[in-house]
Structures are given as C-alpha cells and as structure tokens.
Protein backbone atom coordinates (compact mmCIF):
# COMPACT_ATOMS: atom_id res chain seq x y z
CA MET A 1 -1.69 30.65 183.52
CA ASN A 2 1.61 29.06 182.73
CA PRO A 3 1.70 28.37 178.96
CA GLU A 4 3.56 25.13 179.64
CA LYS A 5 0.52 23.74 181.44
CA THR A 6 -1.39 22.06 178.65
CA LEU A 7 -3.78 19.17 178.38
CA THR A 8 -0.83 17.05 177.25
CA THR A 9 1.26 17.95 180.28
CA LEU A 10 -1.73 17.29 182.55
CA ARG A 11 -2.19 13.89 180.93
CA ASP A 12 1.50 13.10 181.44
CA GLU A 13 1.43 14.24 185.08
CA LEU A 14 -1.68 12.18 185.78
CA ARG A 15 -0.11 9.14 184.12
CA LYS A 16 3.00 9.56 186.29
CA PHE A 17 0.88 10.14 189.42
CA ALA A 18 -1.02 6.88 188.80
CA GLN A 19 2.16 4.92 187.96
CA GLU A 20 3.95 6.07 191.12
CA ARG A 21 1.04 4.78 193.19
CA ASP A 22 0.54 1.62 191.10
CA TRP A 23 -3.04 2.66 190.42
CA GLN A 24 -3.14 1.55 186.77
CA PRO A 25 -5.04 -1.68 187.65
CA PHE A 26 -7.81 0.47 189.15
CA HIS A 27 -7.89 3.01 186.32
CA THR A 28 -10.11 0.97 184.03
CA PRO A 29 -12.44 2.83 181.69
CA LYS A 30 -15.43 1.65 183.77
CA ASN A 31 -13.95 2.86 187.06
CA LEU A 32 -12.79 6.18 185.64
CA ALA A 33 -16.16 6.83 183.96
CA MET A 34 -17.95 6.07 187.22
CA ALA A 35 -15.61 8.35 189.19
CA LEU A 36 -16.16 11.08 186.61
CA ILE A 37 -19.93 10.96 186.99
CA VAL A 38 -19.66 10.97 190.79
CA GLU A 39 -17.59 14.16 190.60
CA ALA A 40 -20.10 15.68 188.18
CA ALA A 41 -22.86 14.92 190.68
CA GLU A 42 -20.83 16.60 193.42
CA LEU A 43 -20.56 19.67 191.18
CA VAL A 44 -24.32 19.72 190.63
CA GLU A 45 -24.90 19.64 194.40
CA HIS A 46 -23.50 23.17 194.64
CA PHE A 47 -26.20 24.47 192.28
CA GLN A 48 -29.14 22.39 193.45
CA TRP A 49 -32.05 24.60 194.51
CA LEU A 50 -30.34 27.84 193.50
CA SER A 51 -32.06 30.29 191.21
CA PRO A 52 -30.32 31.07 187.92
CA GLU A 53 -29.24 34.40 189.42
CA GLN A 54 -27.84 32.77 192.56
CA SER A 55 -25.97 30.18 190.50
CA ALA A 56 -24.27 32.98 188.58
CA SER A 57 -23.06 34.80 191.70
CA LEU A 58 -21.53 32.27 194.06
CA ASP A 59 -19.82 33.37 197.25
CA GLU A 60 -16.05 32.94 197.47
CA LYS A 61 -16.18 29.69 199.48
CA THR A 62 -18.66 28.04 197.11
CA GLN A 63 -16.73 29.30 194.09
CA GLU A 64 -13.59 27.56 195.40
CA GLU A 65 -15.53 24.36 196.11
CA VAL A 66 -16.93 24.46 192.56
CA ALA A 67 -13.41 25.00 191.21
CA GLN A 68 -12.24 21.89 193.10
CA GLU A 69 -15.09 19.80 191.67
CA LEU A 70 -14.35 21.07 188.16
CA ALA A 71 -10.71 20.11 188.69
CA ASP A 72 -11.73 16.61 189.77
CA ILE A 73 -13.88 16.29 186.65
CA GLN A 74 -11.01 17.50 184.43
CA ILE A 75 -8.60 15.07 186.07
CA TYR A 76 -10.85 12.05 185.65
CA LEU A 77 -11.75 13.08 182.09
CA ALA A 78 -8.09 13.49 181.11
CA ARG A 79 -7.17 10.17 182.73
CA LEU A 80 -10.07 8.35 181.04
CA ALA A 81 -9.12 9.79 177.66
CA ASP A 82 -5.51 8.70 178.20
CA VAL A 83 -6.50 5.15 179.15
CA LEU A 84 -8.76 4.94 176.09
CA GLY A 85 -6.20 6.54 173.76
CA VAL A 86 -8.46 9.51 172.92
CA ASP A 87 -6.89 12.85 172.03
CA LEU A 88 -9.30 15.11 173.92
CA MET A 89 -8.42 18.29 172.04
CA GLU A 90 -8.85 16.61 168.67
CA ALA A 91 -12.12 14.99 169.79
CA ALA A 92 -13.42 18.31 171.14
CA TYR A 93 -12.66 20.16 167.91
CA ARG A 94 -14.27 17.37 165.84
CA LYS A 95 -17.36 17.59 168.05
CA LEU A 96 -17.44 21.38 167.74
CA ALA A 97 -17.48 21.01 163.94
CA ILE A 98 -20.31 18.47 164.17
CA ASN A 99 -22.29 20.80 166.44
CA ALA A 100 -21.69 23.76 164.11
CA ALA A 101 -23.24 21.77 161.27
CA LYS A 102 -26.07 20.51 163.48
CA TYR A 103 -26.90 23.96 164.88
CA PRO A 104 -26.30 26.53 162.14
CA VAL A 105 -26.26 30.12 163.41
CA GLU A 106 -29.23 31.08 161.24
CA THR A 107 -31.55 28.52 162.86
CA ALA A 108 -30.04 28.07 166.33
CA ARG A 109 -29.43 31.65 167.46
CA GLY A 110 -31.36 32.41 170.63
CA SER A 111 -32.92 28.95 170.82
CA ALA A 112 -32.17 26.24 173.37
CA ALA A 113 -34.16 23.66 171.39
CA LYS A 114 -32.53 20.24 171.14
CA TYR A 115 -31.56 19.01 167.69
CA ARG A 116 -34.11 16.56 166.34
CA PRO A 117 -33.08 15.18 162.94
CA ASN A 118 -36.54 13.92 161.93
CA ARG A 119 -38.57 16.90 163.13
CA LEU A 120 -39.80 19.73 160.98
C-alpha cells in the first residue's frame, strides 16, 4: 500500500471526482446515506445463505466482488463524511474509546452480548 494513500487523500480525490462531474447537487447527505446502504446490501448478498465456514473462505471471484462492494461502501462513507464535515478518523477513534468503556475486557471477553445499560 502506498503510504500517500490516506483517508484524507481519498476524500480529496472523491471531492475532485464529484466536482469535475458537477455531482455536488446530487451528493446530499440523504442521497449518499441511501447509496451507502444499497452498497452494504449488495455486500451482504455475497454472504447470504453461506455457512460461517463458507463465508470465511470465498473463492477468488467472489473475494474480488466483495472487495469491490467494500470499496463502494468506503467511497460513499468518505464522501458522506466530507459533505457533513465529519473527520472519519477522529470519529472512529472517539467511538473506539466509547466502546472500550462500554465493553471492558474483563466483562466482554468471549461474549457477543449486546450492551444493555439498564440490565444486570
């Protein structure tokens, strides 16, 4: 991976890509969020009806298709964050800190239980 390819450079390239095509009027938060969820659904299609073992060992063709869907999701997510003025890296690290407090290692290790603040 080229170290010059960062989330910031992706954001800038996507901004330029949209500007060159005059797509800014279409890149509203609503439209970008909807496009993002459509791409996420397309990703899920590749795993639908697979066993956990099958989902962990995709053939080369499916792996590439999954990579393309993940790229679409990343692109729409980065564009949405840009339009909304959200620093994705900062937001992700803030959320990681929140999750670390919510799911301390001592109580969360080996458990997939959802956090429930008012449950004993």
